[in-house]
Every structure is written in C-alpha cells, then in structure tokens.
C-alpha cells in the first residue's frame, strides 16, 4: 500500500507554525497518511551498535545490535513504503531539531536507501519540507546566509547520491513578529509570508496527489 509519510519534528504541538502549514497540505491531500511525530515519540540517536549492525551478519549480532537493527529496519521499511513525503522541520538555533537529524541518521543507510553507484530506491518521489523560522534569512535580511536547515536538507534529501527525493521547500518566516512589539513594522511581511506558505502547501498537496 502506498501512502504519504508525514514526519513532524516541532516541539510546539498545535502552536507550531510548521505544523499549522502542514495541516493546510494535509487538508488538500487525498490518500492514506502515515504520521510519525518525533517530538512526541523521538527515535534514538544512532548508536555504536546501530552502526556496527549494518556491517555484521545478523547471526553474529549482539543483543544490542539486534535491537538497533530492528529499529532501523522498521524505520527504513516505513520510509521506502511511502510514495510521497511531508516533513515539518522548523529552524532551531539555525539548524534542524535534533530529533529529525536522529531520524535521518537511522534511515540513511548505504546499500538500502542510498548508494553512490545507483539511484536511491526512493529517487524521484515527491517530498515537501515545511520549515518555519522566527526571523528572516533570505537575501537582504541581516541573517542572510545563516540558514543551516534548508541547504542541509536539500543535500541530504534531494541529492542524487543521497536520498534523491524530488524536494520542494515551503518557508514561513518572521513567526516571532506578532509577539515582538519592537518588530511591529514587519507585521505585513509576516502576514504575507504566512498566507503564501499556506497557499503553496495547499497547491502542492493538490499537485502531488494528482
């Protein structure tokens, strides 16, 4: 069975702008959805046993390697079973939440989901990253060049020698503006960014579902 794999990583629950924009995508989606909330149920960070299990025959696994391999197998099967992906990955301190990096480290395995000599089994499948951030990081903004979320995800998720997904990003910006009186002059830009993000999420859902 094919489905949309929806991975959440925001710690803010319903208050998360990334999750709110993702809901606009889901409202327009027609099909099955498998949802994994990494904030509510984080996967473990990659351990030594998780690494050595990949190069050790199952019959020779230690108990720790057996447990680590079972987790990776389940996550990889879930990843490869999807036909499309929705990732909500807000900016925390200039980069992605550690729970999302932990998930990536568990599923990015040479010979299974990626290979330098052949396309990934998931290559070309559509994926949407929704990444909200409190400030502005685009051209002309004081913090331009300090976004270490989207460029990193574009490489890990989108490069042909990595996961090879057909990646689109939606970036709601200036989410802190409504709560910061000193930034009141930026409120129109914040509102425009939110409206554009929700619109693009709905459009992407319709396009990918079709």
N, C-alpha and C. Protein backbone atom coordinates (compact mmCIF):
# COMPACT_ATOMS: atom_id res chain seq x y z
N UNK A 1 0.84 -1.20 0.00
CA UNK A 1 0.00 0.00 0.00
C UNK A 1 0.88 1.24 0.00
N UNK A 2 0.53 2.18 -0.84
CA UNK A 2 1.28 3.43 -0.94
C UNK A 2 0.62 4.49 -0.06
N UNK A 3 1.43 5.40 0.46
CA UNK A 3 0.91 6.41 1.37
C UNK A 3 1.84 7.63 1.41
N UNK A 4 1.34 8.70 2.00
CA UNK A 4 2.14 9.87 2.33
C UNK A 4 2.76 9.63 3.70
N UNK A 5 4.07 9.73 3.80
CA UNK A 5 4.74 9.65 5.10
C UNK A 5 4.94 11.06 5.62
N UNK A 6 4.29 11.36 6.74
CA UNK A 6 4.33 12.69 7.34
C UNK A 6 5.17 12.61 8.61
N UNK A 7 6.32 13.28 8.60
CA UNK A 7 7.23 13.31 9.74
C UNK A 7 7.20 14.69 10.36
N UNK A 8 6.79 14.76 11.63
CA UNK A 8 6.80 16.01 12.39
C UNK A 8 8.00 16.06 13.31
N UNK A 9 8.59 17.25 13.48
CA UNK A 9 9.71 17.36 14.43
C UNK A 9 9.62 18.60 15.31
N UNK A 10 8.56 19.40 15.18
CA UNK A 10 8.43 20.59 16.01
C UNK A 10 8.00 20.22 17.42
N UNK A 11 8.59 20.87 18.41
CA UNK A 11 8.26 20.62 19.82
C UNK A 11 7.03 21.37 20.29
N UNK A 12 6.47 22.25 19.47
CA UNK A 12 5.44 23.17 19.93
C UNK A 12 4.01 22.65 19.79
N UNK A 13 3.83 21.47 19.26
CA UNK A 13 2.48 20.95 19.13
C UNK A 13 1.62 21.83 18.24
N UNK A 14 0.38 22.06 18.66
CA UNK A 14 -0.56 22.83 17.85
C UNK A 14 -0.12 24.27 17.65
N UNK A 15 0.75 24.78 18.52
CA UNK A 15 1.23 26.15 18.37
C UNK A 15 2.31 26.28 17.30
N UNK A 16 2.77 25.18 16.78
CA UNK A 16 3.85 25.19 15.78
C UNK A 16 3.34 25.71 14.45
N UNK A 17 4.00 26.72 13.92
CA UNK A 17 3.65 27.24 12.59
C UNK A 17 3.94 26.18 11.53
N UNK A 18 5.04 25.46 11.67
CA UNK A 18 5.35 24.40 10.70
C UNK A 18 4.22 23.39 10.64
N UNK A 19 3.70 23.00 11.79
CA UNK A 19 2.59 22.03 11.83
C UNK A 19 1.31 22.65 11.26
N UNK A 20 1.08 23.92 11.52
CA UNK A 20 -0.12 24.57 11.00
C UNK A 20 -0.10 24.62 9.48
N UNK A 21 1.04 24.95 8.91
CA UNK A 21 1.15 24.97 7.45
C UNK A 21 1.05 23.55 6.90
N UNK A 22 1.63 22.60 7.60
CA UNK A 22 1.50 21.21 7.17
C UNK A 22 0.03 20.78 7.15
N UNK A 23 -0.76 21.30 8.07
CA UNK A 23 -2.17 20.95 8.10
C UNK A 23 -2.88 21.44 6.84
N UNK A 24 -2.47 22.59 6.31
CA UNK A 24 -3.04 23.06 5.05
C UNK A 24 -2.72 22.08 3.93
N UNK A 25 -1.52 21.52 3.95
CA UNK A 25 -1.18 20.48 2.97
C UNK A 25 -2.08 19.27 3.17
N UNK A 26 -2.21 18.81 4.41
CA UNK A 26 -3.00 17.61 4.68
C UNK A 26 -4.47 17.81 4.35
N UNK A 27 -4.96 19.03 4.55
CA UNK A 27 -6.36 19.31 4.21
C UNK A 27 -6.64 19.11 2.73
N UNK A 28 -5.61 19.29 1.91
CA UNK A 28 -5.78 19.13 0.47
C UNK A 28 -5.33 17.78 -0.05
N UNK A 29 -4.83 16.92 0.85
CA UNK A 29 -4.31 15.63 0.42
C UNK A 29 -5.44 14.63 0.28
N UNK A 30 -5.39 13.82 -0.73
CA UNK A 30 -6.37 12.76 -0.93
C UNK A 30 -5.63 11.44 -0.98
N UNK A 31 -5.67 10.71 0.10
CA UNK A 31 -4.96 9.44 0.16
C UNK A 31 -4.60 9.10 1.59
N UNK A 32 -3.96 7.97 1.75
CA UNK A 32 -3.58 7.49 3.08
C UNK A 32 -2.37 8.27 3.59
N UNK A 33 -2.30 8.42 4.91
CA UNK A 33 -1.20 9.14 5.56
C UNK A 33 -0.69 8.29 6.73
N UNK A 34 0.63 8.13 6.78
CA UNK A 34 1.29 7.54 7.95
C UNK A 34 2.02 8.68 8.65
N UNK A 35 1.69 8.91 9.90
CA UNK A 35 2.21 10.06 10.64
C UNK A 35 3.16 9.58 11.73
N UNK A 36 4.35 10.16 11.76
CA UNK A 36 5.31 9.90 12.84
C UNK A 36 5.67 11.24 13.48
N UNK A 37 5.35 11.39 14.76
CA UNK A 37 5.63 12.63 15.50
C UNK A 37 6.89 12.41 16.33
N UNK A 38 8.00 12.94 15.85
CA UNK A 38 9.28 12.73 16.52
C UNK A 38 9.40 13.51 17.81
N UNK A 39 8.61 14.57 17.96
CA UNK A 39 8.65 15.31 19.22
C UNK A 39 7.96 14.52 20.32
N UNK A 40 6.85 13.88 19.99
CA UNK A 40 6.11 13.09 20.97
C UNK A 40 6.78 11.74 21.22
N UNK A 41 7.33 11.14 20.16
CA UNK A 41 7.96 9.81 20.28
C UNK A 41 9.27 9.82 19.50
N UNK A 42 10.32 10.41 20.08
CA UNK A 42 11.59 10.50 19.35
C UNK A 42 12.22 9.14 19.14
N UNK A 43 12.91 9.00 18.00
CA UNK A 43 13.71 7.79 17.79
C UNK A 43 15.07 8.02 18.42
N UNK A 44 15.75 6.96 18.83
CA UNK A 44 17.07 7.13 19.45
C UNK A 44 18.08 7.69 18.46
N UNK A 45 19.05 8.41 19.00
CA UNK A 45 20.19 8.81 18.17
C UNK A 45 20.98 7.55 17.79
N UNK A 46 21.63 7.62 16.65
CA UNK A 46 22.37 6.47 16.14
C UNK A 46 23.47 6.08 17.12
N UNK A 47 23.49 4.81 17.50
CA UNK A 47 24.43 4.30 18.49
C UNK A 47 25.55 3.52 17.80
N UNK A 48 26.55 3.15 18.58
CA UNK A 48 27.62 2.31 18.05
C UNK A 48 27.06 0.99 17.56
N UNK A 49 26.11 0.42 18.30
CA UNK A 49 25.50 -0.84 17.89
C UNK A 49 24.74 -0.68 16.58
N UNK A 50 24.10 0.47 16.42
CA UNK A 50 23.36 0.71 15.17
C UNK A 50 24.27 0.79 13.97
N UNK A 51 25.48 1.28 14.18
CA UNK A 51 26.46 1.38 13.09
C UNK A 51 27.08 0.02 12.79
N UNK A 52 27.53 -0.68 13.82
CA UNK A 52 28.21 -1.96 13.58
C UNK A 52 27.24 -3.03 13.08
N UNK A 53 25.96 -2.93 13.44
CA UNK A 53 24.97 -3.92 12.98
C UNK A 53 24.85 -3.91 11.47
N UNK A 54 25.11 -2.77 10.85
CA UNK A 54 24.97 -2.66 9.40
C UNK A 54 26.02 -3.48 8.65
N UNK A 55 27.15 -3.71 9.27
CA UNK A 55 28.25 -4.43 8.61
C UNK A 55 28.50 -5.79 9.22
N UNK A 56 27.57 -6.25 10.05
CA UNK A 56 27.73 -7.53 10.73
C UNK A 56 26.58 -8.45 10.34
N UNK A 57 26.89 -9.71 10.06
CA UNK A 57 25.84 -10.67 9.72
C UNK A 57 24.85 -10.81 10.87
N UNK A 58 23.55 -10.86 10.57
CA UNK A 58 22.55 -10.94 11.64
C UNK A 58 22.82 -12.07 12.64
N UNK A 59 23.32 -13.20 12.18
CA UNK A 59 23.58 -14.33 13.08
C UNK A 59 24.67 -14.01 14.10
N UNK A 60 25.47 -13.00 13.80
CA UNK A 60 26.57 -12.62 14.69
C UNK A 60 26.26 -11.37 15.51
N UNK A 61 25.03 -10.86 15.42
CA UNK A 61 24.67 -9.65 16.15
C UNK A 61 24.69 -9.88 17.66
N UNK A 62 25.16 -8.89 18.36
CA UNK A 62 24.98 -8.86 19.81
C UNK A 62 23.52 -8.50 20.11
N UNK A 63 23.05 -8.67 21.33
CA UNK A 63 21.68 -8.24 21.65
C UNK A 63 21.44 -6.76 21.34
N UNK A 64 22.45 -5.94 21.59
CA UNK A 64 22.31 -4.51 21.31
C UNK A 64 22.20 -4.26 19.81
N UNK A 65 22.99 -4.98 19.02
CA UNK A 65 22.93 -4.84 17.57
C UNK A 65 21.60 -5.34 17.02
N UNK A 66 21.08 -6.41 17.58
CA UNK A 66 19.79 -6.93 17.14
C UNK A 66 18.68 -5.91 17.36
N UNK A 67 18.69 -5.28 18.52
CA UNK A 67 17.68 -4.26 18.83
C UNK A 67 17.83 -3.05 17.92
N UNK A 68 19.06 -2.60 17.72
CA UNK A 68 19.30 -1.42 16.88
C UNK A 68 18.92 -1.71 15.43
N UNK A 69 19.24 -2.90 14.94
CA UNK A 69 18.91 -3.26 13.56
C UNK A 69 17.41 -3.36 13.36
N UNK A 70 16.68 -3.86 14.35
CA UNK A 70 15.23 -3.97 14.24
C UNK A 70 14.59 -2.59 14.11
N UNK A 71 15.10 -1.63 14.88
CA UNK A 71 14.58 -0.26 14.79
C UNK A 71 14.86 0.32 13.41
N UNK A 72 16.08 0.18 12.92
CA UNK A 72 16.41 0.70 11.60
C UNK A 72 15.57 0.04 10.52
N UNK A 73 15.39 -1.27 10.62
CA UNK A 73 14.58 -1.98 9.63
C UNK A 73 13.17 -1.43 9.58
N UNK A 74 12.57 -1.20 10.75
CA UNK A 74 11.19 -0.69 10.80
C UNK A 74 11.10 0.71 10.20
N UNK A 75 12.05 1.58 10.53
CA UNK A 75 12.03 2.95 10.02
C UNK A 75 12.28 2.99 8.52
N UNK A 76 13.21 2.16 8.04
CA UNK A 76 13.52 2.12 6.61
C UNK A 76 12.34 1.55 5.83
N UNK A 77 11.72 0.51 6.35
CA UNK A 77 10.54 -0.05 5.68
C UNK A 77 9.42 0.99 5.58
N UNK A 78 9.23 1.75 6.65
CA UNK A 78 8.21 2.80 6.64
C UNK A 78 8.57 3.87 5.62
N UNK A 79 9.83 4.25 5.55
CA UNK A 79 10.28 5.27 4.60
C UNK A 79 10.11 4.80 3.16
N UNK A 80 10.57 3.61 2.86
CA UNK A 80 10.52 3.12 1.48
C UNK A 80 9.11 2.74 1.06
N UNK A 81 8.22 2.51 1.99
CA UNK A 81 6.84 2.18 1.65
C UNK A 81 6.01 3.36 1.19
N UNK A 82 6.51 4.56 1.38
CA UNK A 82 5.77 5.77 1.03
C UNK A 82 5.98 6.12 -0.44
N UNK A 83 4.98 6.78 -1.01
CA UNK A 83 5.11 7.28 -2.38
C UNK A 83 5.35 8.79 -2.39
N UNK A 84 5.15 9.45 -1.25
CA UNK A 84 5.37 10.89 -1.13
C UNK A 84 5.66 11.20 0.34
N UNK A 85 6.24 12.39 0.57
CA UNK A 85 6.71 12.72 1.91
C UNK A 85 6.36 14.16 2.28
N UNK A 86 6.01 14.35 3.55
CA UNK A 86 5.78 15.68 4.11
C UNK A 86 6.59 15.77 5.38
N UNK A 87 7.56 16.68 5.41
CA UNK A 87 8.43 16.85 6.56
C UNK A 87 8.22 18.24 7.16
N UNK A 88 7.93 18.33 8.45
CA UNK A 88 7.88 19.62 9.12
C UNK A 88 9.13 19.75 9.98
N UNK A 89 10.00 20.67 9.57
CA UNK A 89 11.33 20.78 10.18
C UNK A 89 11.63 22.25 10.45
N UNK A 90 11.19 22.79 11.59
CA UNK A 90 11.44 24.20 11.89
C UNK A 90 12.92 24.46 12.16
N UNK A 91 13.28 25.73 12.11
CA UNK A 91 14.65 26.12 12.45
C UNK A 91 14.78 26.29 13.96
N UNK A 92 15.68 25.55 14.56
CA UNK A 92 16.05 25.71 15.97
C UNK A 92 17.53 26.08 16.03
N UNK A 93 17.82 27.29 16.48
CA UNK A 93 19.22 27.72 16.62
C UNK A 93 20.00 27.49 15.33
N UNK A 94 19.40 27.95 14.24
CA UNK A 94 20.00 27.98 12.90
C UNK A 94 20.00 26.63 12.19
N UNK A 95 19.58 25.55 12.86
CA UNK A 95 19.62 24.26 12.20
C UNK A 95 18.37 23.46 12.52
N UNK A 96 18.33 22.19 12.14
CA UNK A 96 17.14 21.36 12.31
C UNK A 96 17.03 20.84 13.74
N UNK A 97 15.83 20.49 14.21
CA UNK A 97 15.69 19.84 15.51
C UNK A 97 16.50 18.54 15.54
N UNK A 98 17.11 18.25 16.67
CA UNK A 98 17.96 17.06 16.76
C UNK A 98 17.16 15.78 16.53
N UNK A 99 15.86 15.79 16.85
CA UNK A 99 15.07 14.57 16.66
C UNK A 99 14.95 14.23 15.18
N UNK A 100 14.92 15.25 14.31
CA UNK A 100 14.83 14.97 12.88
C UNK A 100 16.17 14.44 12.37
N UNK A 101 17.26 15.02 12.84
CA UNK A 101 18.59 14.51 12.44
C UNK A 101 18.75 13.07 12.91
N UNK A 102 18.24 12.74 14.10
CA UNK A 102 18.33 11.36 14.59
C UNK A 102 17.58 10.42 13.66
N UNK A 103 16.39 10.84 13.21
CA UNK A 103 15.62 10.00 12.29
C UNK A 103 16.37 9.81 10.98
N UNK A 104 16.93 10.89 10.43
CA UNK A 104 17.70 10.78 9.19
C UNK A 104 18.86 9.81 9.36
N UNK A 105 19.58 9.91 10.47
CA UNK A 105 20.73 9.04 10.69
C UNK A 105 20.33 7.57 10.75
N UNK A 106 19.11 7.30 11.20
CA UNK A 106 18.64 5.91 11.27
C UNK A 106 18.25 5.36 9.91
N UNK A 107 17.73 6.22 9.01
CA UNK A 107 17.21 5.69 7.74
C UNK A 107 18.17 5.86 6.57
N UNK A 108 19.21 6.66 6.71
CA UNK A 108 20.16 6.85 5.62
C UNK A 108 21.25 5.80 5.72
N UNK A 109 21.05 4.69 5.00
CA UNK A 109 21.93 3.53 5.10
C UNK A 109 22.39 3.14 3.70
N UNK A 110 23.69 3.10 3.48
CA UNK A 110 24.23 2.71 2.18
C UNK A 110 23.82 1.27 1.86
N UNK A 111 23.43 1.09 0.62
CA UNK A 111 23.00 -0.22 0.18
C UNK A 111 21.53 -0.48 0.42
N UNK A 112 20.86 0.44 1.10
CA UNK A 112 19.43 0.24 1.38
C UNK A 112 18.61 1.44 0.91
N UNK A 113 18.93 2.62 1.39
CA UNK A 113 18.20 3.81 0.97
C UNK A 113 19.06 4.74 0.13
N UNK A 114 20.35 4.48 0.03
CA UNK A 114 21.24 5.34 -0.74
C UNK A 114 22.44 4.53 -1.21
N UNK A 115 23.01 4.99 -2.34
CA UNK A 115 24.14 4.28 -2.93
C UNK A 115 24.85 5.24 -3.88
N UNK A 116 26.16 5.34 -3.77
CA UNK A 116 26.90 6.24 -4.65
C UNK A 116 26.86 5.79 -6.11
N UNK A 117 26.61 4.51 -6.37
CA UNK A 117 26.70 3.98 -7.72
C UNK A 117 25.34 3.73 -8.37
N UNK A 118 24.26 3.92 -7.64
CA UNK A 118 22.92 3.69 -8.19
C UNK A 118 21.94 4.63 -7.52
N UNK A 119 20.84 4.94 -8.18
CA UNK A 119 19.85 5.83 -7.55
C UNK A 119 19.25 5.20 -6.30
N UNK A 120 18.84 6.03 -5.39
CA UNK A 120 18.12 5.57 -4.20
C UNK A 120 16.82 4.90 -4.62
N UNK A 121 16.35 3.89 -3.89
CA UNK A 121 15.04 3.30 -4.19
C UNK A 121 13.90 4.32 -4.13
N UNK A 122 14.13 5.42 -3.39
CA UNK A 122 13.11 6.47 -3.27
C UNK A 122 13.33 7.61 -4.25
N UNK A 123 14.31 7.50 -5.11
CA UNK A 123 14.67 8.60 -6.02
C UNK A 123 13.47 9.06 -6.84
N UNK A 124 13.30 10.38 -6.91
CA UNK A 124 12.25 10.96 -7.72
C UNK A 124 10.90 11.08 -7.06
N UNK A 125 10.74 10.49 -5.89
CA UNK A 125 9.45 10.60 -5.21
C UNK A 125 9.29 12.03 -4.67
N UNK A 126 8.08 12.59 -4.74
CA UNK A 126 7.89 13.97 -4.30
C UNK A 126 7.96 14.11 -2.78
N UNK A 127 8.57 15.19 -2.35
CA UNK A 127 8.69 15.47 -0.92
C UNK A 127 8.57 16.98 -0.69
N UNK A 128 7.91 17.34 0.39
CA UNK A 128 7.74 18.74 0.77
C UNK A 128 8.32 18.94 2.17
N UNK A 129 9.20 19.92 2.30
CA UNK A 129 9.73 20.32 3.61
C UNK A 129 9.10 21.65 3.99
N UNK A 130 8.47 21.70 5.15
CA UNK A 130 7.94 22.95 5.68
C UNK A 130 8.81 23.35 6.86
N UNK A 131 9.46 24.50 6.73
CA UNK A 131 10.45 24.92 7.73
C UNK A 131 10.19 26.36 8.15
N UNK A 132 9.47 26.53 9.26
CA UNK A 132 9.21 27.87 9.80
C UNK A 132 10.41 28.35 10.59
N UNK A 133 10.54 29.68 10.63
CA UNK A 133 11.61 30.28 11.42
C UNK A 133 11.16 31.64 11.93
N UNK A 134 11.67 32.01 13.10
CA UNK A 134 11.21 33.23 13.78
C UNK A 134 11.60 34.50 13.08
N UNK A 135 12.72 34.51 12.37
CA UNK A 135 13.18 35.70 11.69
C UNK A 135 13.19 35.54 10.18
N UNK A 136 13.96 36.40 9.51
CA UNK A 136 14.11 36.34 8.08
C UNK A 136 15.54 35.99 7.72
N UNK A 137 15.71 35.06 6.78
CA UNK A 137 17.04 34.59 6.41
C UNK A 137 17.29 34.67 4.91
N UNK A 138 16.39 35.33 4.19
CA UNK A 138 16.54 35.46 2.75
C UNK A 138 17.47 36.59 2.36
N UNK A 139 17.68 36.78 1.06
CA UNK A 139 18.55 37.86 0.57
C UNK A 139 18.12 39.21 1.10
N UNK A 140 19.07 39.99 1.60
CA UNK A 140 18.79 41.30 2.13
C UNK A 140 18.50 41.32 3.62
N UNK A 141 18.20 40.18 4.21
CA UNK A 141 17.93 40.11 5.65
C UNK A 141 19.26 40.12 6.41
N UNK A 142 19.26 40.67 7.63
CA UNK A 142 20.51 40.71 8.41
C UNK A 142 21.12 39.32 8.64
N UNK A 143 20.29 38.30 8.69
CA UNK A 143 20.79 36.95 8.95
C UNK A 143 20.88 36.09 7.69
N UNK A 144 20.89 36.75 6.54
CA UNK A 144 21.04 36.00 5.30
C UNK A 144 22.33 35.19 5.31
N UNK A 145 22.23 33.92 4.92
CA UNK A 145 23.39 33.05 4.90
C UNK A 145 23.53 32.19 6.14
N UNK A 146 22.67 32.42 7.15
CA UNK A 146 22.76 31.65 8.39
C UNK A 146 21.71 30.55 8.48
N UNK A 147 21.04 30.25 7.37
CA UNK A 147 20.08 29.14 7.35
C UNK A 147 20.84 27.85 7.09
N UNK A 148 20.96 27.02 8.13
CA UNK A 148 21.63 25.73 8.00
C UNK A 148 20.62 24.58 8.04
N UNK A 149 19.34 24.92 7.85
CA UNK A 149 18.31 23.89 7.79
C UNK A 149 18.06 23.49 6.33
N UNK A 150 17.55 24.42 5.55
CA UNK A 150 17.12 24.09 4.19
C UNK A 150 18.29 23.63 3.31
N UNK A 151 19.43 24.32 3.28
CA UNK A 151 20.52 23.82 2.43
C UNK A 151 20.96 22.40 2.81
N UNK A 152 21.00 22.12 4.11
CA UNK A 152 21.39 20.78 4.55
C UNK A 152 20.38 19.73 4.12
N UNK A 153 19.08 20.05 4.28
CA UNK A 153 18.05 19.10 3.89
C UNK A 153 17.98 18.93 2.38
N UNK A 154 18.23 20.01 1.64
CA UNK A 154 18.26 19.88 0.19
C UNK A 154 19.35 18.91 -0.25
N UNK A 155 20.47 18.91 0.47
CA UNK A 155 21.55 17.97 0.14
C UNK A 155 21.19 16.55 0.58
N UNK A 156 20.79 16.38 1.82
CA UNK A 156 20.55 15.04 2.35
C UNK A 156 19.34 14.37 1.71
N UNK A 157 18.28 15.13 1.53
CA UNK A 157 17.05 14.55 0.97
C UNK A 157 17.03 14.56 -0.55
N UNK A 158 17.67 15.57 -1.16
CA UNK A 158 17.47 15.78 -2.58
C UNK A 158 18.59 15.37 -3.51
N UNK A 159 19.82 15.31 -3.03
CA UNK A 159 20.93 14.97 -3.93
C UNK A 159 20.77 13.56 -4.49
N UNK A 160 21.15 13.38 -5.75
CA UNK A 160 21.01 12.08 -6.40
C UNK A 160 21.87 11.01 -5.74
N UNK A 161 23.00 11.41 -5.13
CA UNK A 161 23.85 10.42 -4.48
C UNK A 161 23.49 10.22 -3.01
N UNK A 162 22.36 10.82 -2.60
CA UNK A 162 21.85 10.59 -1.25
C UNK A 162 20.44 10.01 -1.39
N UNK A 163 19.40 10.65 -0.82
CA UNK A 163 18.07 10.03 -0.92
C UNK A 163 17.38 10.33 -2.25
N UNK A 164 17.76 11.42 -2.92
CA UNK A 164 17.30 11.66 -4.28
C UNK A 164 15.83 12.02 -4.42
N UNK A 165 15.21 12.55 -3.37
CA UNK A 165 13.80 12.91 -3.47
C UNK A 165 13.62 14.16 -4.32
N UNK A 166 12.44 14.29 -4.92
CA UNK A 166 12.08 15.50 -5.67
C UNK A 166 11.53 16.50 -4.67
N UNK A 167 12.42 17.36 -4.17
CA UNK A 167 12.16 18.15 -2.97
C UNK A 167 11.68 19.56 -3.28
N UNK A 168 10.65 19.99 -2.55
CA UNK A 168 10.17 21.37 -2.58
C UNK A 168 10.12 21.89 -1.14
N UNK A 169 10.55 23.13 -0.94
CA UNK A 169 10.54 23.71 0.40
C UNK A 169 9.51 24.83 0.49
N UNK A 170 8.87 24.90 1.64
CA UNK A 170 7.94 25.97 1.98
C UNK A 170 8.45 26.59 3.27
N UNK A 171 8.71 27.92 3.25
CA UNK A 171 9.41 28.55 4.36
C UNK A 171 8.59 29.71 4.93
N UNK A 172 7.76 29.47 5.94
CA UNK A 172 7.08 30.57 6.63
C UNK A 172 8.09 31.32 7.51
N UNK A 173 8.23 32.62 7.28
CA UNK A 173 9.24 33.40 8.00
C UNK A 173 8.61 34.40 8.96
N UNK A 174 9.47 34.95 9.81
CA UNK A 174 9.11 36.05 10.71
C UNK A 174 8.00 35.64 11.68
N UNK A 175 8.03 34.41 12.15
CA UNK A 175 6.95 33.92 13.02
C UNK A 175 6.97 34.57 14.40
N UNK A 176 8.10 35.18 14.79
CA UNK A 176 8.18 35.84 16.10
C UNK A 176 7.59 37.24 16.09
N UNK A 177 7.33 37.78 14.92
CA UNK A 177 6.92 39.19 14.81
C UNK A 177 5.66 39.52 15.61
N UNK A 178 4.59 38.70 15.57
CA UNK A 178 3.38 39.07 16.32
C UNK A 178 3.60 39.18 17.82
N UNK A 179 4.63 38.54 18.35
CA UNK A 179 4.90 38.56 19.79
C UNK A 179 6.04 39.49 20.17
N UNK A 180 6.52 40.29 19.23
CA UNK A 180 7.66 41.19 19.49
C UNK A 180 7.28 42.60 19.07
N UNK A 181 6.79 43.44 20.00
CA UNK A 181 6.38 44.80 19.65
C UNK A 181 7.44 45.58 18.89
N UNK A 182 8.70 45.33 19.17
CA UNK A 182 9.76 46.07 18.50
C UNK A 182 9.82 45.76 17.01
N UNK A 183 9.18 44.64 16.60
CA UNK A 183 9.21 44.24 15.19
C UNK A 183 7.88 44.51 14.50
N UNK A 184 7.07 45.38 15.07
CA UNK A 184 5.72 45.61 14.54
C UNK A 184 5.73 46.05 13.08
N UNK A 185 6.77 46.74 12.67
CA UNK A 185 6.83 47.21 11.28
C UNK A 185 6.92 46.06 10.29
N UNK A 186 7.31 44.89 10.77
CA UNK A 186 7.45 43.72 9.89
C UNK A 186 6.18 42.88 9.83
N UNK A 187 5.14 43.31 10.54
CA UNK A 187 3.92 42.51 10.59
C UNK A 187 3.33 42.24 9.19
N UNK A 188 3.27 43.22 8.29
CA UNK A 188 2.75 42.91 6.95
C UNK A 188 3.57 41.83 6.23
N UNK A 189 4.88 41.86 6.40
CA UNK A 189 5.71 40.83 5.77
C UNK A 189 5.45 39.46 6.40
N UNK A 190 5.27 39.44 7.71
CA UNK A 190 4.93 38.19 8.38
C UNK A 190 3.62 37.63 7.85
N UNK A 191 2.60 38.48 7.77
CA UNK A 191 1.29 38.03 7.32
C UNK A 191 1.34 37.54 5.87
N UNK A 192 2.11 38.23 5.04
CA UNK A 192 2.25 37.80 3.65
C UNK A 192 2.96 36.46 3.55
N UNK A 193 3.98 36.26 4.39
CA UNK A 193 4.71 35.00 4.39
C UNK A 193 3.81 33.86 4.82
N UNK A 194 2.99 34.08 5.85
CA UNK A 194 2.08 33.03 6.31
C UNK A 194 1.05 32.68 5.23
N UNK A 195 0.48 33.69 4.63
CA UNK A 195 -0.54 33.45 3.61
C UNK A 195 0.06 32.69 2.42
N UNK A 196 1.26 33.08 2.02
CA UNK A 196 1.91 32.42 0.90
C UNK A 196 2.25 30.97 1.23
N UNK A 197 2.70 30.71 2.47
CA UNK A 197 3.05 29.35 2.87
C UNK A 197 1.83 28.44 2.85
N UNK A 198 0.72 28.90 3.41
CA UNK A 198 -0.49 28.09 3.43
C UNK A 198 -1.00 27.84 2.00
N UNK A 199 -0.92 28.88 1.15
CA UNK A 199 -1.38 28.72 -0.23
C UNK A 199 -0.52 27.70 -0.96
N UNK A 200 0.80 27.82 -0.82
CA UNK A 200 1.69 26.89 -1.51
C UNK A 200 1.51 25.47 -1.00
N UNK A 201 1.27 25.31 0.29
CA UNK A 201 1.06 23.96 0.85
C UNK A 201 -0.17 23.32 0.24
N UNK A 202 -1.25 24.09 0.13
CA UNK A 202 -2.47 23.54 -0.48
C UNK A 202 -2.24 23.17 -1.94
N UNK A 203 -1.55 24.05 -2.66
CA UNK A 203 -1.30 23.79 -4.08
C UNK A 203 -0.41 22.57 -4.28
N UNK A 204 0.60 22.42 -3.43
CA UNK A 204 1.49 21.27 -3.56
C UNK A 204 0.76 19.97 -3.27
N UNK A 205 -0.13 19.99 -2.28
CA UNK A 205 -0.90 18.80 -1.98
C UNK A 205 -1.74 18.38 -3.18
N UNK A 206 -2.40 19.35 -3.80
CA UNK A 206 -3.24 19.05 -4.95
C UNK A 206 -2.41 18.52 -6.12
N UNK A 207 -1.26 19.14 -6.35
CA UNK A 207 -0.40 18.73 -7.47
C UNK A 207 0.16 17.33 -7.26
N UNK A 208 0.68 17.07 -6.06
CA UNK A 208 1.30 15.77 -5.79
C UNK A 208 0.25 14.67 -5.76
N UNK A 209 -0.91 14.95 -5.16
CA UNK A 209 -1.97 13.93 -5.07
C UNK A 209 -2.48 13.56 -6.45
N UNK A 210 -2.42 14.52 -7.38
CA UNK A 210 -2.91 14.24 -8.73
C UNK A 210 -1.94 13.37 -9.51
